Amino acid sequence: MLCWYLVQTKPSNETLAETNLARQGYEVYLPRLLQPVRRNGRWRDRIVALFPRYLFLRLKVGNQPLAPVRSSVGVTSVVRFGFQYAVVPDRIVDSLRARSDPKSGLHLMSSGPLFTPGAKVRITTGPFDGLEGIFERSAGAERVDVLLRLLGQDTPVRVPAGFVVPLCAG
């Protein structure tokens, strides 16, 4: 019987662990994500693990031992609860694989707009906490521009996207 197990890796060693386990004949699945990161003032895409420090390993119970997995380069441990190893249902891994891009194998984050331009919003955190305004546009991956009425003038303000919530009518 084939079962998926969850393997914890050393920090930033998911790919190294994947390579070493595959060399030993194990079936390994490491879901990856294309993530924008800012480096030297520029945005670049970087491929990172969807679940940092974890990957999935499939083996034949009774035919393939877990002992070599625990001592593989890049691996910290096989996840378990008490004395039982954590078995991941096939449908979970199948669902993850189905959601990945068929060509690249990467998981793509939905980057659709949080709000539509002109929508009324409220800022919930930071120096503008409690102020209401009009959503103008997304400003990068993590920030938005909001038009606030400050000192009698409409003033555009750039804030983290997580600071803004839609203003419910009524």
C-alpha atoms as a PDB file:
ATOM      1  CA  MET A   1       0.000   0.000   0.000  1.00  0.00           C
ATOM      2  CA  LEU A   2       1.314   3.449  -0.967  1.00  0.00           C
ATOM      3  CA  CYS A   3       1.019   6.286   1.578  1.00  0.00           C
ATOM      4  CA  TRP A   4       2.052   9.939   1.591  1.00  0.00           C
ATOM      5  CA  TYR A   5       4.017  11.167   4.599  1.00  0.00           C
ATOM      6  CA  LEU A   6       4.949  14.682   5.640  1.00  0.00           C
ATOM      7  CA  VAL A   7       8.672  15.361   5.926  1.00  0.00           C
ATOM      8  CA  GLN A   8      10.088  18.353   7.785  1.00  0.00           C
ATOM      9  CA  THR A   9      13.248  19.790   6.258  1.00  0.00           C
ATOM     10  CA  LYS A  10      15.993  22.015   7.561  1.00  0.00           C
ATOM     11  CA  PRO A  11      15.391  25.743   6.948  1.00  0.00           C
ATOM     12  CA  SER A  12      15.601  26.603   3.225  1.00  0.00           C
ATOM     13  CA  ASN A  13      16.661  23.028   2.372  1.00  0.00           C
ATOM     14  CA  GLU A  14      13.439  21.760   0.803  1.00  0.00           C
ATOM     15  CA  THR A  15      15.011  21.364  -2.648  1.00  0.00           C
ATOM     16  CA  LEU A  16      18.134  19.692  -1.247  1.00  0.00           C
ATOM     17  CA  ALA A  17      16.012  17.225   0.710  1.00  0.00           C
ATOM     18  CA  GLU A  18      13.836  16.579  -2.355  1.00  0.00           C
ATOM     19  CA  THR A  19      16.900  15.836  -4.497  1.00  0.00           C
ATOM     20  CA  ASN A  20      18.469  13.490  -1.953  1.00  0.00           C
ATOM     21  CA  LEU A  21      15.253  11.574  -1.301  1.00  0.00           C
ATOM     22  CA  ALA A  22      14.583  11.190  -5.039  1.00  0.00           C
ATOM     23  CA  ARG A  23      18.126   9.803  -5.497  1.00  0.00           C
ATOM     24  CA  GLN A  24      17.280   7.144  -2.916  1.00  0.00           C
ATOM     25  CA  GLY A  25      14.272   6.036  -4.966  1.00  0.00           C
ATOM     26  CA  TYR A  26      11.507   7.758  -3.016  1.00  0.00           C
ATOM     27  CA  GLU A  27       8.622   9.523  -4.712  1.00  0.00           C
ATOM     28  CA  VAL A  28       8.709  13.118  -3.504  1.00  0.00           C
ATOM     29  CA  TYR A  29       6.364  16.045  -4.051  1.00  0.00           C
ATOM     30  CA  LEU A  30       7.497  19.562  -3.194  1.00  0.00           C
ATOM     31  CA  PRO A  31       4.808  22.112  -4.071  1.00  0.00           C
ATOM     32  CA  ARG A  32       6.411  25.372  -5.179  1.00  0.00           C
ATOM     33  CA  LEU A  33       5.190  28.923  -5.501  1.00  0.00           C
ATOM     34  CA  LEU A  34       6.308  31.874  -7.605  1.00  0.00           C
ATOM     35  CA  GLN A  35       6.700  34.718  -5.125  1.00  0.00           C
ATOM     36  CA  PRO A  36       7.639  38.333  -5.851  1.00  0.00           C
ATOM     37  CA  VAL A  37      10.458  39.582  -3.608  1.00  0.00           C
ATOM     38  CA  ARG A  38      12.106  42.966  -3.436  1.00  0.00           C
ATOM     39  CA  ARG A  39      15.875  42.844  -3.696  1.00  0.00           C
ATOM     40  CA  ASN A  40      18.118  45.865  -4.221  1.00  0.00           C
ATOM     41  CA  GLY A  41      15.089  48.045  -4.834  1.00  0.00           C
ATOM     42  CA  ARG A  42      13.710  45.853  -7.635  1.00  0.00           C
ATOM     43  CA  TRP A  43      10.911  43.317  -7.689  1.00  0.00           C
ATOM     44  CA  ARG A  44      11.963  39.863  -8.857  1.00  0.00           C
ATOM     45  CA  ASP A  45      10.162  36.549  -8.926  1.00  0.00           C
ATOM     46  CA  ARG A  46      11.609  33.793  -6.775  1.00  0.00           C
ATOM     47  CA  ILE A  47      10.556  30.159  -6.578  1.00  0.00           C
ATOM     48  CA  VAL A  48       9.908  29.130  -2.977  1.00  0.00           C
ATOM     49  CA  ALA A  49       8.274  26.196  -1.221  1.00  0.00           C
ATOM     50  CA  LEU A  50       4.499  26.515  -0.858  1.00  0.00           C
ATOM     51  CA  PHE A  51       4.897  25.046   2.637  1.00  0.00           C
ATOM     52  CA  PRO A  52       8.280  26.247   3.925  1.00  0.00           C
ATOM     53  CA  ARG A  53      10.280  23.437   5.583  1.00  0.00           C
ATOM     54  CA  TYR A  54       7.882  20.676   4.432  1.00  0.00           C
ATOM     55  CA  LEU A  55       7.540  18.248   1.537  1.00  0.00           C
ATOM     56  CA  PHE A  56       5.523  15.122   0.824  1.00  0.00           C
ATOM     57  CA  LEU A  57       7.048  11.662   0.501  1.00  0.00           C
ATOM     58  CA  ARG A  58       5.243   8.596  -0.859  1.00  0.00           C
ATOM     59  CA  LEU A  59       6.407   5.112  -0.078  1.00  0.00           C
ATOM     60  CA  LYS A  60       5.250   1.534   0.020  1.00  0.00           C
ATOM     61  CA  VAL A  61       4.394   0.675   3.596  1.00  0.00           C
ATOM     62  CA  GLY A  62       6.349  -2.392   4.652  1.00  0.00           C
ATOM     63  CA  ASN A  63       8.625  -2.334   1.558  1.00  0.00           C
ATOM     64  CA  GLN A  64      10.436   0.977   1.967  1.00  0.00           C
ATOM     65  CA  PRO A  65      11.783   1.967   5.392  1.00  0.00           C
ATOM     66  CA  LEU A  66      11.518   5.467   6.838  1.00  0.00           C
ATOM     67  CA  ALA A  67      14.861   5.263   8.681  1.00  0.00           C
ATOM     68  CA  PRO A  68      16.942   6.420   5.665  1.00  0.00           C
ATOM     69  CA  VAL A  69      14.541   9.346   5.206  1.00  0.00           C
ATOM     70  CA  ARG A  70      15.231  10.696   8.693  1.00  0.00           C
ATOM     71  CA  SER A  71      18.982  10.680   8.081  1.00  0.00           C
ATOM     72  CA  SER A  72      18.897  12.150   4.557  1.00  0.00           C
ATOM     73  CA  VAL A  73      20.705  15.407   3.873  1.00  0.00           C
ATOM     74  CA  GLY A  74      18.325  18.338   4.307  1.00  0.00           C
ATOM     75  CA  VAL A  75      15.758  16.394   6.346  1.00  0.00           C
ATOM     76  CA  THR A  76      15.011  17.203   9.984  1.00  0.00           C
ATOM     77  CA  SER A  77      12.370  14.541  10.659  1.00  0.00           C
ATOM     78  CA  VAL A  78       9.290  12.725   9.473  1.00  0.00           C
ATOM     79  CA  VAL A  79       6.256  14.381  11.070  1.00  0.00           C
ATOM     80  CA  ARG A  80       4.426  12.263  13.573  1.00  0.00           C
ATOM     81  CA  PHE A  81       1.853  12.557  16.306  1.00  0.00           C
ATOM     82  CA  GLY A  82       3.010  10.577  19.292  1.00  0.00           C
ATOM     83  CA  PHE A  83       4.328   7.289  17.954  1.00  0.00           C
ATOM     84  CA  GLN A  84       2.323   7.426  14.706  1.00  0.00           C
ATOM     85  CA  TYR A  85       3.717   8.983  11.543  1.00  0.00           C
ATOM     86  CA  ALA A  86       1.409  11.577   9.999  1.00  0.00           C
ATOM     87  CA  VAL A  87      -0.162  10.024   6.901  1.00  0.00           C
ATOM     88  CA  VAL A  88      -1.424  12.565   4.368  1.00  0.00           C
ATOM     89  CA  PRO A  89      -4.529  11.458   2.462  1.00  0.00           C
ATOM     90  CA  ASP A  90      -3.993  10.965  -1.293  1.00  0.00           C
ATOM     91  CA  ARG A  91      -6.777  13.435  -2.058  1.00  0.00           C
ATOM     92  CA  ILE A  92      -4.795  16.268  -0.396  1.00  0.00           C
ATOM     93  CA  VAL A  93      -1.703  15.720  -2.542  1.00  0.00           C
ATOM     94  CA  ASP A  94      -3.835  15.110  -5.642  1.00  0.00           C
ATOM     95  CA  SER A  95      -5.687  18.371  -4.985  1.00  0.00           C
ATOM     96  CA  LEU A  96      -2.407  20.277  -4.616  1.00  0.00           C
ATOM     97  CA  ARG A  97      -1.072  18.813  -7.842  1.00  0.00           C
ATOM     98  CA  ALA A  98      -4.311  19.651  -9.666  1.00  0.00           C
ATOM     99  CA  ARG A  99      -4.061  23.300  -8.571  1.00  0.00           C
ATOM    100  CA  SER A 100      -0.540  23.753  -9.871  1.00  0.00           C
ATOM    101  CA  ASP A 101       0.211  25.198 -13.291  1.00  0.00           C
ATOM    102  CA  PRO A 102       0.365  22.282 -15.773  1.00  0.00           C
ATOM    103  CA  LYS A 103       3.437  23.652 -17.597  1.00  0.00           C
ATOM    104  CA  SER A 104       5.632  24.950 -14.783  1.00  0.00           C
ATOM    105  CA  GLY A 105       4.277  22.909 -11.873  1.00  0.00           C
ATOM    106  CA  LEU A 106       4.176  26.091  -9.799  1.00  0.00           C
ATOM    107  CA  HIS A 107       1.276  27.235  -7.678  1.00  0.00           C
ATOM    108  CA  LEU A 108       0.152  30.680  -8.732  1.00  0.00           C
ATOM    109  CA  MET A 109      -1.270  33.041  -6.186  1.00  0.00           C
ATOM    110  CA  SER A 110      -4.399  34.774  -7.362  1.00  0.00           C
ATOM    111  CA  SER A 111      -3.415  38.357  -7.897  1.00  0.00           C
ATOM    112  CA  GLY A 112      -6.833  39.712  -8.681  1.00  0.00           C
ATOM    113  CA  PRO A 113      -7.695  43.151  -7.382  1.00  0.00           C
ATOM    114  CA  LEU A 114      -8.733  43.393  -3.753  1.00  0.00           C
ATOM    115  CA  PHE A 115     -11.126  46.260  -4.486  1.00  0.00           C
ATOM    116  CA  THR A 116     -12.477  47.974  -7.558  1.00  0.00           C
ATOM    117  CA  PRO A 117     -11.388  51.577  -8.174  1.00  0.00           C
ATOM    118  CA  GLY A 118     -13.893  53.967  -6.609  1.00  0.00           C
ATOM    119  CA  ALA A 119     -14.942  51.546  -3.850  1.00  0.00           C
ATOM    120  CA  LYS A 120     -15.423  53.027  -0.388  1.00  0.00           C
ATOM    121  CA  VAL A 121     -12.937  51.656   2.143  1.00  0.00           C
ATOM    122  CA  ARG A 122     -11.908  52.127   5.767  1.00  0.00           C
ATOM    123  CA  ILE A 123      -8.340  52.063   7.069  1.00  0.00           C
ATOM    124  CA  THR A 124      -8.164  49.878  10.179  1.00  0.00           C
ATOM    125  CA  THR A 125      -4.553  50.187  11.328  1.00  0.00           C
ATOM    126  CA  GLY A 126      -1.719  52.675  11.427  1.00  0.00           C
ATOM    127  CA  PRO A 127      -1.699  56.481  11.537  1.00  0.00           C
ATOM    128  CA  PHE A 128      -4.880  56.728   9.439  1.00  0.00           C
ATOM    129  CA  ASP A 129      -6.805  54.218  11.581  1.00  0.00           C
ATOM    130  CA  GLY A 130     -10.567  54.764  11.340  1.00  0.00           C
ATOM    131  CA  LEU A 131     -10.481  57.098   8.333  1.00  0.00           C
ATOM    132  CA  GLU A 132     -12.704  56.372   5.360  1.00  0.00           C
ATOM    133  CA  GLY A 133     -11.668  56.924   1.794  1.00  0.00           C
ATOM    134  CA  ILE A 134     -11.933  55.860  -1.832  1.00  0.00           C
ATOM    135  CA  PHE A 135      -9.832  53.006  -3.214  1.00  0.00           C
ATOM    136  CA  GLU A 136      -7.784  54.213  -6.192  1.00  0.00           C
ATOM    137  CA  ARG A 137      -5.496  51.339  -7.229  1.00  0.00           C
ATOM    138  CA  SER A 138      -3.129  48.584  -6.159  1.00  0.00           C
ATOM    139  CA  ALA A 139       0.423  49.828  -5.774  1.00  0.00           C
ATOM    140  CA  GLY A 140       2.555  46.716  -6.038  1.00  0.00           C
ATOM    141  CA  ALA A 141       2.005  43.348  -4.435  1.00  0.00           C
ATOM    142  CA  GLU A 142       1.349  44.538  -0.892  1.00  0.00           C
ATOM    143  CA  ARG A 143       0.244  48.181  -0.993  1.00  0.00           C
ATOM    144  CA  VAL A 144      -2.757  50.163  -2.175  1.00  0.00           C
ATOM    145  CA  ASP A 145      -3.472  53.825  -2.886  1.00  0.00           C
ATOM    146  CA  VAL A 146      -6.458  55.294  -1.077  1.00  0.00           C
ATOM    147  CA  LEU A 147      -7.866  58.785  -1.561  1.00  0.00           C
ATOM    148  CA  LEU A 148      -8.481  60.375   1.864  1.00  0.00           C
ATOM    149  CA  ARG A 149     -10.105  63.705   2.666  1.00  0.00           C
ATOM    150  CA  LEU A 150      -7.404  65.403   4.761  1.00  0.00           C
ATOM    151  CA  LEU A 151      -7.460  69.099   5.741  1.00  0.00           C
ATOM    152  CA  GLY A 152     -10.230  69.778   3.265  1.00  0.00           C
ATOM    153  CA  GLN A 153      -8.408  68.238   0.299  1.00  0.00           C
ATOM    154  CA  ASP A 154      -8.506  64.837  -1.373  1.00  0.00           C
ATOM    155  CA  THR A 155      -5.060  63.362  -0.741  1.00  0.00           C
ATOM    156  CA  PRO A 156      -3.746  60.061  -2.123  1.00  0.00           C
ATOM    157  CA  VAL A 157      -2.172  57.895   0.593  1.00  0.00           C
ATOM    158  CA  ARG A 158      -0.256  54.643   0.077  1.00  0.00           C
ATOM    159  CA  VAL A 159      -0.837  52.046   2.810  1.00  0.00           C
ATOM    160  CA  PRO A 160      -0.296  48.286   3.242  1.00  0.00           C
ATOM    161  CA  ALA A 161      -3.175  46.375   1.630  1.00  0.00           C
ATOM    162  CA  GLY A 162      -3.871  44.564   4.904  1.00  0.00           C
ATOM    163  CA  PHE A 163      -4.753  47.888   6.570  1.00  0.00           C
ATOM    164  CA  VAL A 164      -7.784  48.433   4.297  1.00  0.00           C
ATOM    165  CA  VAL A 165     -11.231  46.850   4.485  1.00  0.00           C
ATOM    166  CA  PRO A 166     -14.320  47.476   2.355  1.00  0.00           C
ATOM    167  CA  LEU A 167     -16.805  49.906   3.842  1.00  0.00           C
ATOM    168  CA  CYS A 168     -20.171  48.238   4.156  1.00  0.00           C
ATOM    169  CA  ALA A 169     -23.069  50.341   3.001  1.00  0.00           C
ATOM    170  CA  GLY A 170     -25.759  50.925   5.593  1.00  0.00           C
END
